[in-house]
Amino acid sequence: MYYAIISEDVADSLAARQSARPAHLARLEALREAGRLLLAGPHPAIDAEDPGPAGFTGSLVVAAFESLEAAQAWADADPYVEAGVYDRVTVKPFKRVLP
């Protein structure tokens, strides 16, 4: 089943995001290679593809996991969590309807 991992950043998270980004992306790439990643990306703090120094307010990952507990464990081990980027992370089941 798919699960949505909805993360909200702490204030001024850009520097911490940038330092933890390679490890964060490597985990997402592993999900993609396993055919489990539906989508992933950050929420820009302003209405722009590249928000520059405004940074980001959070992230969304939708991926397949064996259970809610497995999805939560994966989210808890995210390098952004370890780097203090995220203030809050919510994990909940996601039912894909379209496309």
N, C-alpha and C. Protein backbone atom coordinates (compact mmCIF):
# COMPACT_ATOMS: atom_id res chain seq x y z
N MET A 1 0.83 -1.17 0.00
CA MET A 1 0.00 0.00 0.00
C MET A 1 0.88 1.24 0.00
N TYR A 2 0.34 2.31 -0.57
CA TYR A 2 1.06 3.58 -0.54
C TYR A 2 0.81 4.31 0.78
N TYR A 3 1.81 5.10 1.18
CA TYR A 3 1.71 5.95 2.36
C TYR A 3 2.24 7.33 2.00
N ALA A 4 1.56 8.36 2.50
CA ALA A 4 2.01 9.74 2.34
C ALA A 4 2.81 10.13 3.57
N ILE A 5 4.00 10.64 3.33
CA ILE A 5 4.86 11.14 4.39
C ILE A 5 4.91 12.65 4.20
N ILE A 6 4.24 13.36 5.08
CA ILE A 6 4.07 14.80 4.97
C ILE A 6 4.91 15.45 6.07
N SER A 7 5.92 16.20 5.66
CA SER A 7 6.85 16.77 6.62
C SER A 7 6.79 18.29 6.59
N GLU A 8 6.92 18.88 7.75
CA GLU A 8 6.93 20.34 7.89
C GLU A 8 8.27 20.76 8.48
N ASP A 9 8.91 21.73 7.83
CA ASP A 9 10.23 22.19 8.25
C ASP A 9 10.18 23.09 9.48
N VAL A 10 11.28 23.12 10.21
CA VAL A 10 11.49 24.14 11.22
C VAL A 10 11.78 25.45 10.49
N ALA A 11 11.76 26.56 11.19
CA ALA A 11 12.12 27.84 10.59
C ALA A 11 13.60 27.82 10.19
N ASP A 12 13.91 28.50 9.11
CA ASP A 12 15.30 28.64 8.66
C ASP A 12 16.00 27.29 8.47
N SER A 13 15.35 26.39 7.78
CA SER A 13 15.88 25.03 7.61
C SER A 13 16.82 24.86 6.42
N LEU A 14 16.99 25.89 5.60
CA LEU A 14 17.69 25.73 4.32
C LEU A 14 19.11 25.18 4.47
N ALA A 15 19.90 25.70 5.37
CA ALA A 15 21.28 25.22 5.53
C ALA A 15 21.32 23.75 5.95
N ALA A 16 20.46 23.37 6.87
CA ALA A 16 20.42 21.97 7.31
C ALA A 16 19.93 21.08 6.17
N ARG A 17 18.96 21.56 5.39
CA ARG A 17 18.48 20.81 4.23
C ARG A 17 19.62 20.55 3.26
N GLN A 18 20.35 21.60 2.95
CA GLN A 18 21.42 21.47 1.96
C GLN A 18 22.49 20.48 2.40
N SER A 19 22.82 20.48 3.68
CA SER A 19 23.87 19.55 4.14
C SER A 19 23.40 18.10 4.16
N ALA A 20 22.12 17.87 4.45
CA ALA A 20 21.59 16.50 4.54
C ALA A 20 21.01 16.01 3.21
N ARG A 21 20.92 16.88 2.20
CA ARG A 21 20.24 16.54 0.95
C ARG A 21 20.81 15.31 0.23
N PRO A 22 22.12 15.17 0.09
CA PRO A 22 22.63 13.98 -0.63
C PRO A 22 22.17 12.66 0.01
N ALA A 23 22.22 12.56 1.32
CA ALA A 23 21.78 11.33 1.98
C ALA A 23 20.28 11.15 1.86
N HIS A 24 19.53 12.24 1.94
CA HIS A 24 18.07 12.20 1.79
C HIS A 24 17.71 11.69 0.39
N LEU A 25 18.35 12.25 -0.63
CA LEU A 25 18.06 11.84 -2.00
C LEU A 25 18.48 10.40 -2.28
N ALA A 26 19.54 9.94 -1.66
CA ALA A 26 19.99 8.55 -1.85
C ALA A 26 18.92 7.58 -1.36
N ARG A 27 18.27 7.88 -0.25
CA ARG A 27 17.20 7.01 0.25
C ARG A 27 16.00 7.01 -0.69
N LEU A 28 15.67 8.19 -1.23
CA LEU A 28 14.57 8.27 -2.19
C LEU A 28 14.91 7.51 -3.47
N GLU A 29 16.14 7.62 -3.91
CA GLU A 29 16.57 6.90 -5.11
C GLU A 29 16.47 5.39 -4.89
N ALA A 30 16.79 4.92 -3.71
CA ALA A 30 16.66 3.49 -3.41
C ALA A 30 15.21 3.05 -3.50
N LEU A 31 14.28 3.87 -3.00
CA LEU A 31 12.86 3.55 -3.15
C LEU A 31 12.46 3.52 -4.62
N ARG A 32 12.95 4.49 -5.39
CA ARG A 32 12.63 4.56 -6.82
C ARG A 32 13.14 3.32 -7.55
N GLU A 33 14.38 2.95 -7.27
CA GLU A 33 14.97 1.79 -7.93
C GLU A 33 14.22 0.51 -7.59
N ALA A 34 13.63 0.46 -6.40
CA ALA A 34 12.85 -0.71 -5.98
C ALA A 34 11.42 -0.66 -6.52
N GLY A 35 11.08 0.39 -7.26
CA GLY A 35 9.74 0.51 -7.82
C GLY A 35 8.67 0.88 -6.80
N ARG A 36 9.09 1.48 -5.69
CA ARG A 36 8.15 1.79 -4.60
C ARG A 36 7.82 3.27 -4.48
N LEU A 37 8.52 4.14 -5.19
CA LEU A 37 8.32 5.58 -5.06
C LEU A 37 7.31 6.07 -6.08
N LEU A 38 6.22 6.67 -5.61
CA LEU A 38 5.23 7.27 -6.50
C LEU A 38 5.61 8.70 -6.82
N LEU A 39 5.96 9.48 -5.80
CA LEU A 39 6.42 10.86 -6.01
C LEU A 39 7.09 11.37 -4.76
N ALA A 40 7.91 12.41 -4.95
CA ALA A 40 8.60 13.03 -3.82
C ALA A 40 9.03 14.42 -4.22
N GLY A 41 8.99 15.33 -3.26
CA GLY A 41 9.48 16.67 -3.52
C GLY A 41 9.20 17.60 -2.37
N PRO A 42 9.88 18.77 -2.41
CA PRO A 42 9.71 19.76 -1.35
C PRO A 42 8.61 20.76 -1.67
N HIS A 43 8.20 21.49 -0.64
CA HIS A 43 7.23 22.57 -0.77
C HIS A 43 8.01 23.89 -0.70
N PRO A 44 8.18 24.60 -1.83
CA PRO A 44 8.88 25.88 -1.79
C PRO A 44 8.16 26.88 -0.87
N ALA A 45 8.93 27.70 -0.19
CA ALA A 45 8.37 28.69 0.73
C ALA A 45 7.68 29.83 -0.01
N ILE A 46 8.01 30.00 -1.29
CA ILE A 46 7.37 31.02 -2.12
C ILE A 46 6.92 30.36 -3.41
N ASP A 47 6.10 31.04 -4.17
CA ASP A 47 5.54 30.51 -5.41
C ASP A 47 6.58 30.58 -6.53
N ALA A 48 7.56 29.67 -6.47
CA ALA A 48 8.64 29.65 -7.45
C ALA A 48 9.26 28.25 -7.49
N GLU A 49 9.68 27.84 -8.70
CA GLU A 49 10.37 26.55 -8.84
C GLU A 49 11.62 26.52 -7.95
N ASP A 50 12.39 27.60 -8.00
CA ASP A 50 13.60 27.73 -7.18
C ASP A 50 13.37 28.88 -6.20
N PRO A 51 13.07 28.57 -4.95
CA PRO A 51 12.78 29.64 -4.00
C PRO A 51 14.00 30.38 -3.48
N GLY A 52 15.20 29.96 -3.92
CA GLY A 52 16.41 30.63 -3.46
C GLY A 52 16.52 30.63 -1.95
N PRO A 53 16.92 31.77 -1.37
CA PRO A 53 17.13 31.82 0.08
C PRO A 53 15.84 31.69 0.90
N ALA A 54 14.68 31.81 0.26
CA ALA A 54 13.42 31.62 0.99
C ALA A 54 13.30 30.17 1.47
N GLY A 55 13.91 29.25 0.73
CA GLY A 55 13.93 27.86 1.15
C GLY A 55 12.61 27.13 0.97
N PHE A 56 12.38 26.18 1.85
CA PHE A 56 11.24 25.28 1.74
C PHE A 56 10.51 25.20 3.08
N THR A 57 9.24 24.82 3.01
CA THR A 57 8.44 24.70 4.24
C THR A 57 8.17 23.25 4.62
N GLY A 58 8.57 22.32 3.78
CA GLY A 58 8.34 20.92 4.08
C GLY A 58 8.53 20.06 2.85
N SER A 59 8.09 18.81 2.95
CA SER A 59 8.27 17.85 1.87
C SER A 59 7.10 16.87 1.84
N LEU A 60 6.93 16.24 0.69
CA LEU A 60 5.94 15.18 0.53
C LEU A 60 6.60 14.00 -0.16
N VAL A 61 6.43 12.83 0.41
CA VAL A 61 6.88 11.58 -0.20
C VAL A 61 5.68 10.65 -0.20
N VAL A 62 5.39 10.05 -1.35
CA VAL A 62 4.36 9.01 -1.43
C VAL A 62 5.06 7.77 -1.97
N ALA A 63 5.05 6.71 -1.16
CA ALA A 63 5.77 5.50 -1.52
C ALA A 63 5.07 4.28 -0.94
N ALA A 64 5.37 3.13 -1.51
CA ALA A 64 4.79 1.87 -1.06
C ALA A 64 5.63 1.27 0.07
N PHE A 65 4.93 0.84 1.10
CA PHE A 65 5.55 0.16 2.24
C PHE A 65 4.68 -1.02 2.63
N GLU A 66 5.23 -1.94 3.40
CA GLU A 66 4.50 -3.13 3.82
C GLU A 66 3.39 -2.80 4.82
N SER A 67 3.59 -1.72 5.58
CA SER A 67 2.63 -1.36 6.62
C SER A 67 2.84 0.09 7.03
N LEU A 68 1.90 0.61 7.78
CA LEU A 68 2.03 1.95 8.33
C LEU A 68 3.25 2.04 9.24
N GLU A 69 3.49 1.00 10.00
CA GLU A 69 4.64 0.98 10.90
C GLU A 69 5.95 1.03 10.12
N ALA A 70 6.01 0.32 8.99
CA ALA A 70 7.22 0.33 8.16
C ALA A 70 7.43 1.71 7.55
N ALA A 71 6.35 2.33 7.11
CA ALA A 71 6.45 3.68 6.55
C ALA A 71 6.91 4.67 7.62
N GLN A 72 6.37 4.55 8.82
CA GLN A 72 6.77 5.45 9.91
C GLN A 72 8.24 5.25 10.27
N ALA A 73 8.68 4.00 10.30
CA ALA A 73 10.09 3.72 10.62
C ALA A 73 11.00 4.31 9.56
N TRP A 74 10.60 4.19 8.28
CA TRP A 74 11.40 4.77 7.20
C TRP A 74 11.46 6.29 7.36
N ALA A 75 10.32 6.91 7.64
CA ALA A 75 10.27 8.37 7.81
C ALA A 75 11.12 8.81 9.00
N ASP A 76 11.06 8.07 10.09
CA ASP A 76 11.82 8.42 11.29
C ASP A 76 13.32 8.39 11.07
N ALA A 77 13.77 7.57 10.11
CA ALA A 77 15.20 7.43 9.83
C ALA A 77 15.70 8.37 8.74
N ASP A 78 14.85 9.28 8.28
CA ASP A 78 15.24 10.21 7.22
C ASP A 78 16.39 11.10 7.68
N PRO A 79 17.40 11.31 6.84
CA PRO A 79 18.49 12.21 7.20
C PRO A 79 18.02 13.63 7.55
N TYR A 80 16.92 14.07 6.98
CA TYR A 80 16.39 15.39 7.33
C TYR A 80 15.89 15.41 8.78
N VAL A 81 15.38 14.30 9.27
CA VAL A 81 14.97 14.21 10.67
C VAL A 81 16.21 14.31 11.55
N GLU A 82 17.22 13.54 11.20
CA GLU A 82 18.46 13.52 11.97
C GLU A 82 19.15 14.88 11.97
N ALA A 83 19.02 15.63 10.86
CA ALA A 83 19.67 16.94 10.74
C ALA A 83 18.84 18.07 11.35
N GLY A 84 17.64 17.75 11.85
CA GLY A 84 16.81 18.77 12.47
C GLY A 84 16.06 19.65 11.48
N VAL A 85 15.90 19.19 10.24
CA VAL A 85 15.17 19.95 9.23
C VAL A 85 13.69 19.98 9.53
N TYR A 86 13.15 18.85 9.93
CA TYR A 86 11.71 18.73 10.12
C TYR A 86 11.27 19.02 11.55
N ASP A 87 10.19 19.78 11.65
CA ASP A 87 9.55 20.04 12.93
C ASP A 87 8.53 18.96 13.23
N ARG A 88 7.84 18.51 12.16
CA ARG A 88 6.77 17.51 12.34
C ARG A 88 6.72 16.63 11.09
N VAL A 89 6.47 15.35 11.30
CA VAL A 89 6.31 14.39 10.20
C VAL A 89 5.05 13.59 10.46
N THR A 90 4.15 13.60 9.47
CA THR A 90 2.91 12.83 9.56
C THR A 90 2.95 11.75 8.50
N VAL A 91 2.62 10.53 8.89
CA VAL A 91 2.57 9.40 7.96
C VAL A 91 1.16 8.85 7.98
N LYS A 92 0.56 8.73 6.79
CA LYS A 92 -0.79 8.16 6.72
C LYS A 92 -0.99 7.41 5.43
N PRO A 93 -1.91 6.45 5.43
CA PRO A 93 -2.20 5.68 4.22
C PRO A 93 -2.65 6.61 3.10
N PHE A 94 -2.31 6.22 1.86
CA PHE A 94 -2.64 6.99 0.67
C PHE A 94 -3.22 6.04 -0.37
N LYS A 95 -4.39 6.38 -0.87
CA LYS A 95 -5.03 5.56 -1.91
C LYS A 95 -4.92 6.29 -3.23
N ARG A 96 -4.14 5.73 -4.12
CA ARG A 96 -3.97 6.33 -5.45
C ARG A 96 -5.24 6.09 -6.28
N VAL A 97 -5.77 7.17 -6.83
CA VAL A 97 -6.94 7.08 -7.68
C VAL A 97 -6.58 7.49 -9.12
N LEU A 98 -5.93 8.60 -9.29
CA LEU A 98 -5.52 9.10 -10.61
C LEU A 98 -4.07 9.52 -10.58
N PRO A 99 -3.32 9.55 -11.61
CA PRO A 99 -3.66 8.89 -12.87
C PRO A 99 -3.54 7.40 -12.72
